[in-house]
Structures are given as C-alpha cells and as structure tokens.
Amino acid sequence: MKTIIYILLAVMLSSMFIPNHPKQKQEPTRTVTLQSTASNTDAARMNQSAGIIKKRLLAVGLSHFILVPDPAQATLTVRFEKPKDSQRAGELLTDKGHLAFAETVDRSRILSQIPENDRLFSLMDIPSADAKNMAADVLGYAKPASVKAVNAYLATAPWWQKMSGTMQLAWGIAPNDKHQMVLHILKRPEALSGLAVSEASVTDGQPSVQITFNEAGRQTWQEVTRRNIGKPLAIVIDNRVYFAPVVRDEIKGGKCNITGNFTHDELTRLAALINNGELPVGFRMVR
C-alpha cells in the first residue's frame, strides 16, 4: 500500500515541474524545382550547375538546404529548410551569370537610322539627338510594362537587324528615379568576360562590389579604359546593365568598382554571381 502511495506522490510532484509551453511547430520546408532550358543537358553539366548554385547560396549565408540534380529529367531540386530562404535565393537559382564588360555606342549612330514615325517612338521615350543631360550610350526609356513589347518589336525591325551584328541593346537592371527602364547601346563583341576576373568583393564605406582582374584581364582592362576616356563603359550580367560609368582616366590597377543604388544584400548576391562562375546551362523555375 505504501508503495502505491509513493508512486502517486512521485507522479503528482513530477507533473508540477513539466514546462507549460506548447511544442514548437516545425517550420514547413520549401521545395524549388529548376528545369534546364537547354535541349540536351548531360549529367556533367547538371552536376556542374548544381555545384555552382550551391556555392552561390553558401556565399550569401544560406546553408540549410539540400540540392539534388536529376540528369534524367534535366532538373535540379532545392529543398530549403526555411521557406524564407527560397525567397532570399531568388535569381541565384536561375541567373546564368554571364559577366561582360562592354564598350558603348553613341546614340547618334542609331538615331540617324531609325525611320521617321517608326513604331519604336510609340513604345518608348526616345529623346532627340541634341537632348541635354542624356548619357551618350542611352537610346531611350520605357515603362517597365512596355519592355516586352519593345523587345518584340526590335526582334523584327529591319533597320535594327542591319545594325545588330556590331552592337546590341541591353536594359538597365532596375528603373531609374522616374520609374522608367533605361535602354543602353553596347558594342559587339564584349571587351572582357568573367574569365578575366579573379575576385569580386563587397567593400565597406560607400557600398560597392570591387572587381579584381587576373593578369590577362588587367592588361586588357587598362587598354579598354585608355581608348574609352570620356565614354561610358558598361558592366553587364546576362545582358542587363548594372553600371555604366564614364571613364575619366586610364585604369592601371587592375580593379573596378560597381556602385549605385544597391543594398548591401544586393551587392553580396552580385559578388556571389561573379565569384562562382557562369552556369553551363540556363534554368527556369517550374515550382
């Protein structure tokens, strides 16, 4: 009988010390599937792509994920333990990451070739050749909603097809202070590619990404800046212009900086793209 009483007392006393906190709900995971946009994607390129994306994610502080390539289906599956991490990953999952440094073309060369009353004038704002406070490499401006229509028109415009062999048009990365997208005119071929870069790092003070060129890139960069003094030079990733500063002098140090209205997080993601190379195939997010 005493034994039973002792057991009951022990149960009662132990219940008094059980924390009165509900069990924490396990946060649901988020799975993202990336589909290769290439017609033929072999296992080697899928595995290489998986390695590059993994390095990109780790470079911005994302570590709680599992990445599984499936060469048979030409897909990459990324399972994030924290759903918000999938949002932070963003374009690091799908951007090909082709880095280019491009010389620019003076807008007067194109304006002289566009026919009067051309449809392009109704799709975007194209200031006249003598417009003031206008960057030399900018053709014009368009509302974000009109960008797709502009691209579709230029793909078939006869006057542009004649010129597109030696130059290309590339939109800026974000709208300007008037909420317009900026269309830049770049020379073909590019002056340097990402192969000329040894490292990209985020700097303190005025936020920027500092790019350091390798030995071959350093010499070419010096030559390119020498012949473009007084002209804009564009830094481009996947045909989007991130920065197009006017060259003030020949640059001998083998470095350049990307500055602008970027947050520290955006610059960190940009450095992650540059440092880890270009994906061998493109991807689109399917879910």
C-alpha atoms as a PDB file:
ATOM      1  CA  MET A   1       0.000   0.000   0.000  1.00  0.00           C
ATOM      2  CA  LYS A   2       2.863   2.390   0.903  1.00  0.00           C
ATOM      3  CA  THR A   3       4.471   1.639  -2.428  1.00  0.00           C
ATOM      4  CA  ILE A   4       1.335   2.723  -4.291  1.00  0.00           C
ATOM      5  CA  ILE A   5       1.138   5.958  -2.289  1.00  0.00           C
ATOM      6  CA  TYR A   6       4.804   6.781  -3.014  1.00  0.00           C
ATOM      7  CA  ILE A   7       4.240   6.224  -6.739  1.00  0.00           C
ATOM      8  CA  LEU A   8       1.206   8.527  -6.757  1.00  0.00           C
ATOM      9  CA  LEU A   9       3.126  11.238  -4.893  1.00  0.00           C
ATOM     10  CA  ALA A  10       6.033  10.973  -7.338  1.00  0.00           C
ATOM     11  CA  VAL A  11       3.674  11.360 -10.312  1.00  0.00           C
ATOM     12  CA  MET A  12       1.981  14.375  -8.748  1.00  0.00           C
ATOM     13  CA  LEU A  13       5.281  16.075  -7.905  1.00  0.00           C
ATOM     14  CA  SER A  14       6.794  15.445 -11.327  1.00  0.00           C
ATOM     15  CA  SER A  15       3.767  16.932 -13.053  1.00  0.00           C
ATOM     16  CA  MET A  16       4.350  20.185 -11.218  1.00  0.00           C
ATOM     17  CA  PHE A  17       7.709  20.645 -12.959  1.00  0.00           C
ATOM     18  CA  ILE A  18       6.646  19.909 -16.571  1.00  0.00           C
ATOM     19  CA  PRO A  19       7.154  23.165 -18.539  1.00  0.00           C
ATOM     20  CA  ASN A  20       3.852  24.731 -19.508  1.00  0.00           C
ATOM     21  CA  HIS A  21       4.914  25.534 -23.054  1.00  0.00           C
ATOM     22  CA  PRO A  22       3.277  24.171 -26.187  1.00  0.00           C
ATOM     23  CA  LYS A  23       5.522  22.218 -28.514  1.00  0.00           C
ATOM     24  CA  GLN A  24       7.005  24.387 -31.213  1.00  0.00           C
ATOM     25  CA  LYS A  25       5.557  23.705 -34.610  1.00  0.00           C
ATOM     26  CA  GLN A  26       8.118  22.510 -37.099  1.00  0.00           C
ATOM     27  CA  GLU A  27       8.504  25.106 -39.824  1.00  0.00           C
ATOM     28  CA  PRO A  28       7.483  23.662 -43.194  1.00  0.00           C
ATOM     29  CA  THR A  29      10.179  23.228 -45.824  1.00  0.00           C
ATOM     30  CA  ARG A  30      10.027  24.788 -49.287  1.00  0.00           C
ATOM     31  CA  THR A  31      10.990  22.825 -52.380  1.00  0.00           C
ATOM     32  CA  VAL A  32      12.003  24.591 -55.589  1.00  0.00           C
ATOM     33  CA  THR A  33      12.379  22.724 -58.888  1.00  0.00           C
ATOM     34  CA  LEU A  34      14.563  24.151 -61.640  1.00  0.00           C
ATOM     35  CA  GLN A  35      14.164  22.909 -65.212  1.00  0.00           C
ATOM     36  CA  SER A  36      17.025  23.175 -67.694  1.00  0.00           C
ATOM     37  CA  THR A  37      16.210  25.374 -70.695  1.00  0.00           C
ATOM     38  CA  ALA A  38      18.766  23.588 -72.895  1.00  0.00           C
ATOM     39  CA  SER A  39      17.544  20.958 -75.355  1.00  0.00           C
ATOM     40  CA  ASN A  40      20.263  18.472 -74.387  1.00  0.00           C
ATOM     41  CA  THR A  41      21.642  18.552 -70.854  1.00  0.00           C
ATOM     42  CA  ASP A  42      24.103  15.845 -69.847  1.00  0.00           C
ATOM     43  CA  ALA A  43      24.935  14.673 -66.317  1.00  0.00           C
ATOM     44  CA  ALA A  44      28.275  16.520 -66.260  1.00  0.00           C
ATOM     45  CA  ARG A  45      26.688  19.899 -66.927  1.00  0.00           C
ATOM     46  CA  MET A  46      23.854  19.240 -64.473  1.00  0.00           C
ATOM     47  CA  ASN A  47      26.320  18.349 -61.730  1.00  0.00           C
ATOM     48  CA  GLN A  48      28.477  21.371 -62.568  1.00  0.00           C
ATOM     49  CA  SER A  49      25.400  23.616 -62.387  1.00  0.00           C
ATOM     50  CA  ALA A  50      24.435  22.121 -59.025  1.00  0.00           C
ATOM     51  CA  GLY A  51      27.922  22.852 -57.681  1.00  0.00           C
ATOM     52  CA  ILE A  52      27.832  26.485 -58.851  1.00  0.00           C
ATOM     53  CA  ILE A  53      24.364  27.138 -57.394  1.00  0.00           C
ATOM     54  CA  LYS A  54      25.407  25.555 -54.099  1.00  0.00           C
ATOM     55  CA  LYS A  55      28.432  27.861 -53.867  1.00  0.00           C
ATOM     56  CA  ARG A  56      26.271  30.894 -54.673  1.00  0.00           C
ATOM     57  CA  LEU A  57      23.825  30.075 -51.880  1.00  0.00           C
ATOM     58  CA  LEU A  58      26.574  29.453 -49.345  1.00  0.00           C
ATOM     59  CA  ALA A  59      28.246  32.742 -50.320  1.00  0.00           C
ATOM     60  CA  VAL A  60      25.173  34.737 -49.225  1.00  0.00           C
ATOM     61  CA  GLY A  61      24.819  32.846 -45.954  1.00  0.00           C
ATOM     62  CA  LEU A  62      22.217  30.257 -46.943  1.00  0.00           C
ATOM     63  CA  SER A  63      23.232  26.845 -45.640  1.00  0.00           C
ATOM     64  CA  HIS A  64      20.056  25.000 -44.656  1.00  0.00           C
ATOM     65  CA  PHE A  65      19.175  23.379 -47.970  1.00  0.00           C
ATOM     66  CA  ILE A  66      19.528  20.139 -49.892  1.00  0.00           C
ATOM     67  CA  LEU A  67      20.260  20.292 -53.623  1.00  0.00           C
ATOM     68  CA  VAL A  68      19.652  17.230 -55.783  1.00  0.00           C
ATOM     69  CA  PRO A  69      20.380  17.125 -59.550  1.00  0.00           C
ATOM     70  CA  ASP A  70      18.343  14.754 -61.723  1.00  0.00           C
ATOM     71  CA  PRO A  71      20.124  14.488 -65.101  1.00  0.00           C
ATOM     72  CA  ALA A  72      17.464  12.112 -66.475  1.00  0.00           C
ATOM     73  CA  GLN A  73      14.786  14.797 -66.062  1.00  0.00           C
ATOM     74  CA  ALA A  74      17.200  17.722 -66.571  1.00  0.00           C
ATOM     75  CA  THR A  75      16.068  19.221 -63.263  1.00  0.00           C
ATOM     76  CA  LEU A  76      17.608  20.472 -60.048  1.00  0.00           C
ATOM     77  CA  THR A  77      15.570  20.212 -56.857  1.00  0.00           C
ATOM     78  CA  VAL A  78      16.422  22.522 -53.969  1.00  0.00           C
ATOM     79  CA  ARG A  79      14.736  21.889 -50.623  1.00  0.00           C
ATOM     80  CA  PHE A  80      15.037  24.772 -48.179  1.00  0.00           C
ATOM     81  CA  GLU A  81      14.531  24.028 -44.502  1.00  0.00           C
ATOM     82  CA  LYS A  82      13.415  27.637 -44.039  1.00  0.00           C
ATOM     83  CA  PRO A  83      10.831  28.779 -46.621  1.00  0.00           C
ATOM     84  CA  LYS A  84      12.062  32.391 -46.454  1.00  0.00           C
ATOM     85  CA  ASP A  85      15.468  31.217 -47.667  1.00  0.00           C
ATOM     86  CA  SER A  86      13.953  30.334 -51.035  1.00  0.00           C
ATOM     87  CA  GLN A  87      12.923  33.979 -51.441  1.00  0.00           C
ATOM     88  CA  ARG A  88      16.399  35.175 -50.479  1.00  0.00           C
ATOM     89  CA  ALA A  89      17.928  32.797 -53.011  1.00  0.00           C
ATOM     90  CA  GLY A  90      15.960  34.446 -55.824  1.00  0.00           C
ATOM     91  CA  GLU A  91      17.934  34.932 -59.021  1.00  0.00           C
ATOM     92  CA  LEU A  92      20.910  32.976 -57.678  1.00  0.00           C
ATOM     93  CA  LEU A  93      18.974  29.864 -58.678  1.00  0.00           C
ATOM     94  CA  THR A  94      18.179  30.861 -62.243  1.00  0.00           C
ATOM     95  CA  ASP A  95      20.613  33.572 -63.418  1.00  0.00           C
ATOM     96  CA  LYS A  96      23.146  32.143 -65.838  1.00  0.00           C
ATOM     97  CA  GLY A  97      25.693  34.626 -64.545  1.00  0.00           C
ATOM     98  CA  HIS A  98      27.422  35.663 -67.786  1.00  0.00           C
ATOM     99  CA  LEU A  99      29.575  38.659 -66.868  1.00  0.00           C
ATOM    100  CA  ALA A 100      30.709  41.082 -69.563  1.00  0.00           C
ATOM    101  CA  PHE A 101      32.479  44.425 -69.765  1.00  0.00           C
ATOM    102  CA  ALA A 102      31.244  46.220 -72.870  1.00  0.00           C
ATOM    103  CA  GLU A 103      32.210  49.344 -74.732  1.00  0.00           C
ATOM    104  CA  THR A 104      29.255  51.517 -75.669  1.00  0.00           C
ATOM    105  CA  VAL A 105      27.912  53.130 -78.840  1.00  0.00           C
ATOM    106  CA  ASP A 106      26.964  56.795 -79.158  1.00  0.00           C
ATOM    107  CA  ARG A 107      23.185  57.094 -79.545  1.00  0.00           C
ATOM    108  CA  SER A 108      23.521  59.346 -82.592  1.00  0.00           C
ATOM    109  CA  ARG A 109      24.583  56.319 -84.660  1.00  0.00           C
ATOM    110  CA  ILE A 110      21.224  54.651 -84.082  1.00  0.00           C
ATOM    111  CA  LEU A 111      19.028  57.754 -84.157  1.00  0.00           C
ATOM    112  CA  SER A 112      20.201  58.506 -87.689  1.00  0.00           C
ATOM    113  CA  GLN A 113      18.993  55.055 -88.815  1.00  0.00           C
ATOM    114  CA  ILE A 114      15.522  54.975 -87.235  1.00  0.00           C
ATOM    115  CA  PRO A 115      12.858  55.896 -89.821  1.00  0.00           C
ATOM    116  CA  GLU A 116      10.563  58.817 -89.080  1.00  0.00           C
ATOM    117  CA  ASN A 117       7.304  57.781 -87.411  1.00  0.00           C
ATOM    118  CA  ASP A 118       8.812  54.381 -86.617  1.00  0.00           C
ATOM    119  CA  ARG A 119       6.703  52.314 -84.225  1.00  0.00           C
ATOM    120  CA  LEU A 120       9.521  52.379 -81.647  1.00  0.00           C
ATOM    121  CA  PHE A 121       8.700  56.030 -80.898  1.00  0.00           C
ATOM    122  CA  SER A 122       5.236  54.998 -79.713  1.00  0.00           C
ATOM    123  CA  LEU A 123       6.612  52.245 -77.477  1.00  0.00           C
ATOM    124  CA  MET A 124       9.250  54.244 -75.624  1.00  0.00           C
ATOM    125  CA  ASP A 125      10.573  57.730 -74.977  1.00  0.00           C
ATOM    126  CA  ILE A 126      13.469  58.472 -77.354  1.00  0.00           C
ATOM    127  CA  PRO A 127      14.842  61.995 -76.834  1.00  0.00           C
ATOM    128  CA  SER A 128      16.297  63.852 -79.801  1.00  0.00           C
ATOM    129  CA  ALA A 129      19.988  63.745 -80.672  1.00  0.00           C
ATOM    130  CA  ASP A 130      20.602  67.182 -79.136  1.00  0.00           C
ATOM    131  CA  ALA A 131      18.854  66.371 -75.833  1.00  0.00           C
ATOM    132  CA  LYS A 132      20.760  67.677 -72.805  1.00  0.00           C
ATOM    133  CA  ASN A 133      21.728  65.719 -69.681  1.00  0.00           C
ATOM    134  CA  MET A 134      21.485  62.479 -71.636  1.00  0.00           C
ATOM    135  CA  ALA A 135      24.046  59.672 -71.320  1.00  0.00           C
ATOM    136  CA  ALA A 136      25.710  59.042 -74.669  1.00  0.00           C
ATOM    137  CA  ASP A 137      25.031  55.291 -74.559  1.00  0.00           C
ATOM    138  CA  VAL A 138      21.295  55.521 -73.778  1.00  0.00           C
ATOM    139  CA  LEU A 139      18.834  55.108 -76.650  1.00  0.00           C
ATOM    140  CA  GLY A 140      15.785  55.919 -74.558  1.00  0.00           C
ATOM    141  CA  TYR A 141      13.392  54.979 -71.779  1.00  0.00           C
ATOM    142  CA  ALA A 142      10.340  52.760 -71.399  1.00  0.00           C
ATOM    143  CA  LYS A 143       7.817  51.924 -68.740  1.00  0.00           C
ATOM    144  CA  PRO A 144       8.525  48.508 -67.202  1.00  0.00           C
ATOM    145  CA  ALA A 145       5.252  47.211 -68.642  1.00  0.00           C
ATOM    146  CA  SER A 146       6.393  48.187 -72.154  1.00  0.00           C
ATOM    147  CA  VAL A 147       9.773  46.424 -72.118  1.00  0.00           C
ATOM    148  CA  LYS A 148       8.408  43.168 -73.541  1.00  0.00           C
ATOM    149  CA  ALA A 149       6.706  44.996 -76.422  1.00  0.00           C
ATOM    150  CA  VAL A 150       9.893  46.937 -77.218  1.00  0.00           C
ATOM    151  CA  ASN A 151      11.938  43.726 -77.295  1.00  0.00           C
ATOM    152  CA  ALA A 152       9.391  42.013 -79.552  1.00  0.00           C
ATOM    153  CA  TYR A 153       9.394  44.924 -81.998  1.00  0.00           C
ATOM    154  CA  LEU A 154      13.194  45.193 -82.157  1.00  0.00           C
ATOM    155  CA  ALA A 155      13.439  41.463 -82.881  1.00  0.00           C
ATOM    156  CA  THR A 156      11.836  42.097 -86.288  1.00  0.00           C
ATOM    157  CA  ALA A 157      12.618  45.759 -87.070  1.00  0.00           C
ATOM    158  CA  PRO A 158      14.564  45.759 -90.403  1.00  0.00           C
ATOM    159  CA  TRP A 159      16.661  48.839 -89.563  1.00  0.00           C
ATOM    160  CA  TRP A 160      17.815  47.281 -86.280  1.00  0.00           C
ATOM    161  CA  GLN A 161      18.566  43.883 -87.826  1.00  0.00           C
ATOM    162  CA  LYS A 162      21.078  45.594 -90.125  1.00  0.00           C
ATOM    163  CA  MET A 163      22.890  47.096 -87.125  1.00  0.00           C
ATOM    164  CA  SER A 164      22.655  44.279 -84.579  1.00  0.00           C
ATOM    165  CA  GLY A 165      25.738  42.483 -85.892  1.00  0.00           C
ATOM    166  CA  THR A 166      28.069  45.107 -84.440  1.00  0.00           C
ATOM    167  CA  MET A 167      26.021  46.309 -81.466  1.00  0.00           C
ATOM    168  CA  GLN A 168      23.359  45.175 -79.021  1.00  0.00           C
ATOM    169  CA  LEU A 169      20.714  46.782 -76.835  1.00  0.00           C
ATOM    170  CA  ALA A 170      20.567  45.996 -73.124  1.00  0.00           C
ATOM    171  CA  TRP A 171      18.203  47.220 -70.421  1.00  0.00           C
ATOM    172  CA  GLY A 172      19.402  48.535 -67.096  1.00  0.00           C
ATOM    173  CA  ILE A 173      18.956  46.320 -64.055  1.00  0.00           C
ATOM    174  CA  ALA A 174      16.263  48.495 -62.416  1.00  0.00           C
ATOM    175  CA  PRO A 175      14.028  51.514 -63.143  1.00  0.00           C
ATOM    176  CA  ASN A 176      15.520  54.989 -62.797  1.00  0.00           C
ATOM    177  CA  ASP A 177      14.221  57.685 -60.439  1.00  0.00           C
ATOM    178  CA  LYS A 178      11.383  58.365 -62.905  1.00  0.00           C
ATOM    179  CA  HIS A 179      10.295  54.707 -62.750  1.00  0.00           C
ATOM    180  CA  GLN A 180      11.482  54.070 -66.313  1.00  0.00           C
ATOM    181  CA  MET A 181      13.702  51.314 -67.668  1.00  0.00           C
ATOM    182  CA  VAL A 182      16.837  52.544 -69.436  1.00  0.00           C
ATOM    183  CA  LEU A 183      17.931  51.028 -72.771  1.00  0.00           C
ATOM    184  CA  HIS A 184      21.715  51.079 -73.356  1.00  0.00           C
ATOM    185  CA  ILE A 185      23.601  50.621 -76.646  1.00  0.00           C
ATOM    186  CA  LEU A 186      26.614  48.293 -76.394  1.00  0.00           C
ATOM    187  CA  LYS A 187      29.306  47.244 -78.848  1.00  0.00           C
ATOM    188  CA  ARG A 188      29.737  43.672 -80.026  1.00  0.00           C
ATOM    189  CA  PRO A 189      31.752  41.703 -79.141  1.00  0.00           C
ATOM    190  CA  GLU A 190      32.236  42.338 -75.418  1.00  0.00           C
ATOM    191  CA  ALA A 191      35.623  43.744 -74.383  1.00  0.00           C
ATOM    192  CA  LEU A 192      36.142  41.312 -71.466  1.00  0.00           C
ATOM    193  CA  SER A 193      34.206  38.436 -69.910  1.00  0.00           C
ATOM    194  CA  GLY A 194      34.065  36.901 -66.458  1.00  0.00           C
ATOM    195  CA  LEU A 195      37.108  34.800 -67.390  1.00  0.00           C
ATOM    196  CA  ALA A 196      39.188  37.951 -66.889  1.00  0.00           C
ATOM    197  CA  VAL A 197      38.125  38.301 -63.234  1.00  0.00           C
ATOM    198  CA  SER A 198      39.962  36.750 -60.303  1.00  0.00           C
ATOM    199  CA  GLU A 199      37.739  38.008 -57.473  1.00  0.00           C
ATOM    200  CA  ALA A 200      34.779  40.202 -56.536  1.00  0.00           C
ATOM    201  CA  SER A 201      34.315  41.520 -53.004  1.00  0.00           C
ATOM    202  CA  VAL A 202      31.872  43.806 -51.209  1.00  0.00           C
ATOM    203  CA  THR A 203      33.604  46.909 -49.856  1.00  0.00           C
ATOM    204  CA  ASP A 204      32.798  48.873 -46.712  1.00  0.00           C
ATOM    205  CA  GLY A 205      32.158  52.591 -46.587  1.00  0.00           C
ATOM    206  CA  GLN A 206      30.323  53.509 -49.773  1.00  0.00           C
ATOM    207  CA  PRO A 207      28.732  50.135 -50.630  1.00  0.00           C
ATOM    208  CA  SER A 208      30.174  48.676 -53.807  1.00  0.00           C
ATOM    209  CA  VAL A 209      31.489  45.495 -55.366  1.00  0.00           C
ATOM    210  CA  GLN A 210      35.179  45.699 -56.159  1.00  0.00           C
ATOM    211  CA  ILE A 211      36.263  43.551 -59.092  1.00  0.00           C
ATOM    212  CA  THR A 212      39.887  42.459 -59.345  1.00  0.00           C
ATOM    213  CA  PHE A 213      41.140  41.265 -62.734  1.00  0.00           C
ATOM    214  CA  ASN A 214      43.606  38.464 -63.334  1.00  0.00           C
ATOM    215  CA  GLU A 215      46.902  39.142 -65.129  1.00  0.00           C
ATOM    216  CA  ALA A 216      45.494  38.902 -68.662  1.00  0.00           C
ATOM    217  CA  GLY A 217      42.348  40.816 -67.715  1.00  0.00           C
ATOM    218  CA  ARG A 218      44.344  43.590 -66.033  1.00  0.00           C
ATOM    219  CA  GLN A 219      46.213  44.402 -69.244  1.00  0.00           C
ATOM    220  CA  THR A 220      43.073  44.316 -71.400  1.00  0.00           C
ATOM    221  CA  TRP A 221      41.137  46.451 -68.906  1.00  0.00           C
ATOM    222  CA  GLN A 222      43.899  49.069 -68.999  1.00  0.00           C
ATOM    223  CA  GLU A 223      43.780  49.159 -72.818  1.00  0.00           C
ATOM    224  CA  VAL A 224      39.968  49.337 -72.884  1.00  0.00           C
ATOM    225  CA  THR A 225      39.817  52.205 -70.397  1.00  0.00           C
ATOM    226  CA  ARG A 226      42.585  54.070 -72.264  1.00  0.00           C
ATOM    227  CA  ARG A 227      40.652  54.118 -75.532  1.00  0.00           C
ATOM    228  CA  ASN A 228      37.332  54.963 -73.878  1.00  0.00           C
ATOM    229  CA  ILE A 229      38.253  58.021 -71.811  1.00  0.00           C
ATOM    230  CA  GLY A 230      35.219  60.298 -71.750  1.00  0.00           C
ATOM    231  CA  LYS A 231      32.870  57.479 -72.768  1.00  0.00           C
ATOM    232  CA  PRO A 232      30.660  55.114 -70.769  1.00  0.00           C
ATOM    233  CA  LEU A 233      31.772  51.520 -70.165  1.00  0.00           C
ATOM    234  CA  ALA A 234      29.072  49.016 -69.188  1.00  0.00           C
ATOM    235  CA  ILE A 235      29.282  46.196 -66.670  1.00  0.00           C
ATOM    236  CA  VAL A 236      26.709  43.634 -67.764  1.00  0.00           C
ATOM    237  CA  ILE A 237      25.368  40.368 -66.355  1.00  0.00           C
ATOM    238  CA  ASP A 238      23.052  38.257 -68.512  1.00  0.00           C
ATOM    239  CA  ASN A 239      22.501  41.204 -70.861  1.00  0.00           C
ATOM    240  CA  ARG A 240      21.394  43.533 -68.042  1.00  0.00           C
ATOM    241  CA  VAL A 241      23.437  46.653 -67.394  1.00  0.00           C
ATOM    242  CA  TYR A 242      24.359  47.018 -63.721  1.00  0.00           C
ATOM    243  CA  PHE A 243      26.592  50.046 -64.056  1.00  0.00           C
ATOM    244  CA  ALA A 244      27.756  52.231 -66.951  1.00  0.00           C
ATOM    245  CA  PRO A 245      30.166  54.872 -65.634  1.00  0.00           C
ATOM    246  CA  VAL A 246      32.019  57.362 -67.810  1.00  0.00           C
ATOM    247  CA  VAL A 247      35.736  56.573 -67.898  1.00  0.00           C
ATOM    248  CA  ARG A 248      37.696  59.523 -66.530  1.00  0.00           C
ATOM    249  CA  ASP A 249      41.194  58.129 -66.950  1.00  0.00           C
ATOM    250  CA  GLU A 250      43.153  55.038 -67.905  1.00  0.00           C
ATOM    251  CA  ILE A 251      42.886  52.440 -65.115  1.00  0.00           C
ATOM    252  CA  LYS A 252      46.182  50.694 -64.402  1.00  0.00           C
ATOM    253  CA  GLY A 253      45.496  48.939 -61.109  1.00  0.00           C
ATOM    254  CA  GLY A 254      43.509  46.023 -62.460  1.00  0.00           C
ATOM    255  CA  LYS A 255      40.401  46.871 -60.451  1.00  0.00           C
ATOM    256  CA  CYS A 256      36.976  48.420 -60.954  1.00  0.00           C
ATOM    257  CA  ASN A 257      34.022  49.138 -58.690  1.00  0.00           C
ATOM    258  CA  ILE A 258      30.299  48.600 -59.205  1.00  0.00           C
ATOM    259  CA  THR A 259      28.408  51.259 -57.278  1.00  0.00           C
ATOM    260  CA  GLY A 260      24.895  52.598 -57.383  1.00  0.00           C
ATOM    261  CA  ASN A 261      21.614  52.429 -55.534  1.00  0.00           C
ATOM    262  CA  PHE A 262      22.223  48.888 -54.258  1.00  0.00           C
ATOM    263  CA  THR A 263      21.667  47.486 -50.779  1.00  0.00           C
ATOM    264  CA  HIS A 264      24.405  45.510 -49.021  1.00  0.00           C
ATOM    265  CA  ASP A 265      22.389  42.326 -49.599  1.00  0.00           C
ATOM    266  CA  GLU A 266      22.072  43.041 -53.322  1.00  0.00           C
ATOM    267  CA  LEU A 267      25.820  43.629 -53.588  1.00  0.00           C
ATOM    268  CA  THR A 268      26.550  40.396 -51.705  1.00  0.00           C
ATOM    269  CA  ARG A 269      24.355  38.487 -54.163  1.00  0.00           C
ATOM    270  CA  LEU A 270      26.088  40.216 -57.082  1.00  0.00           C
ATOM    271  CA  ALA A 271      29.505  39.181 -55.746  1.00  0.00           C
ATOM    272  CA  ALA A 272      28.218  35.613 -55.335  1.00  0.00           C
ATOM    273  CA  LEU A 273      27.213  35.564 -59.018  1.00  0.00           C
ATOM    274  CA  ILE A 274      30.574  36.920 -60.186  1.00  0.00           C
ATOM    275  CA  ASN A 275      32.802  34.781 -57.947  1.00  0.00           C
ATOM    276  CA  ASN A 276      31.272  31.412 -58.734  1.00  0.00           C
ATOM    277  CA  GLY A 277      31.242  31.440 -62.500  1.00  0.00           C
ATOM    278  CA  GLU A 278      28.661  31.048 -65.208  1.00  0.00           C
ATOM    279  CA  LEU A 279      26.162  28.193 -65.277  1.00  0.00           C
ATOM    280  CA  PRO A 280      26.834  25.868 -68.243  1.00  0.00           C
ATOM    281  CA  VAL A 281      23.075  25.729 -68.931  1.00  0.00           C
ATOM    282  CA  GLY A 282      20.156  28.026 -68.164  1.00  0.00           C
ATOM    283  CA  PHE A 283      17.303  27.161 -65.810  1.00  0.00           C
ATOM    284  CA  ARG A 284      13.741  28.269 -65.206  1.00  0.00           C
ATOM    285  CA  MET A 285      11.776  27.780 -62.031  1.00  0.00           C
ATOM    286  CA  VAL A 286       8.830  25.422 -62.552  1.00  0.00           C
ATOM    287  CA  ARG A 287       7.595  25.263 -58.937  1.00  0.00           C
END
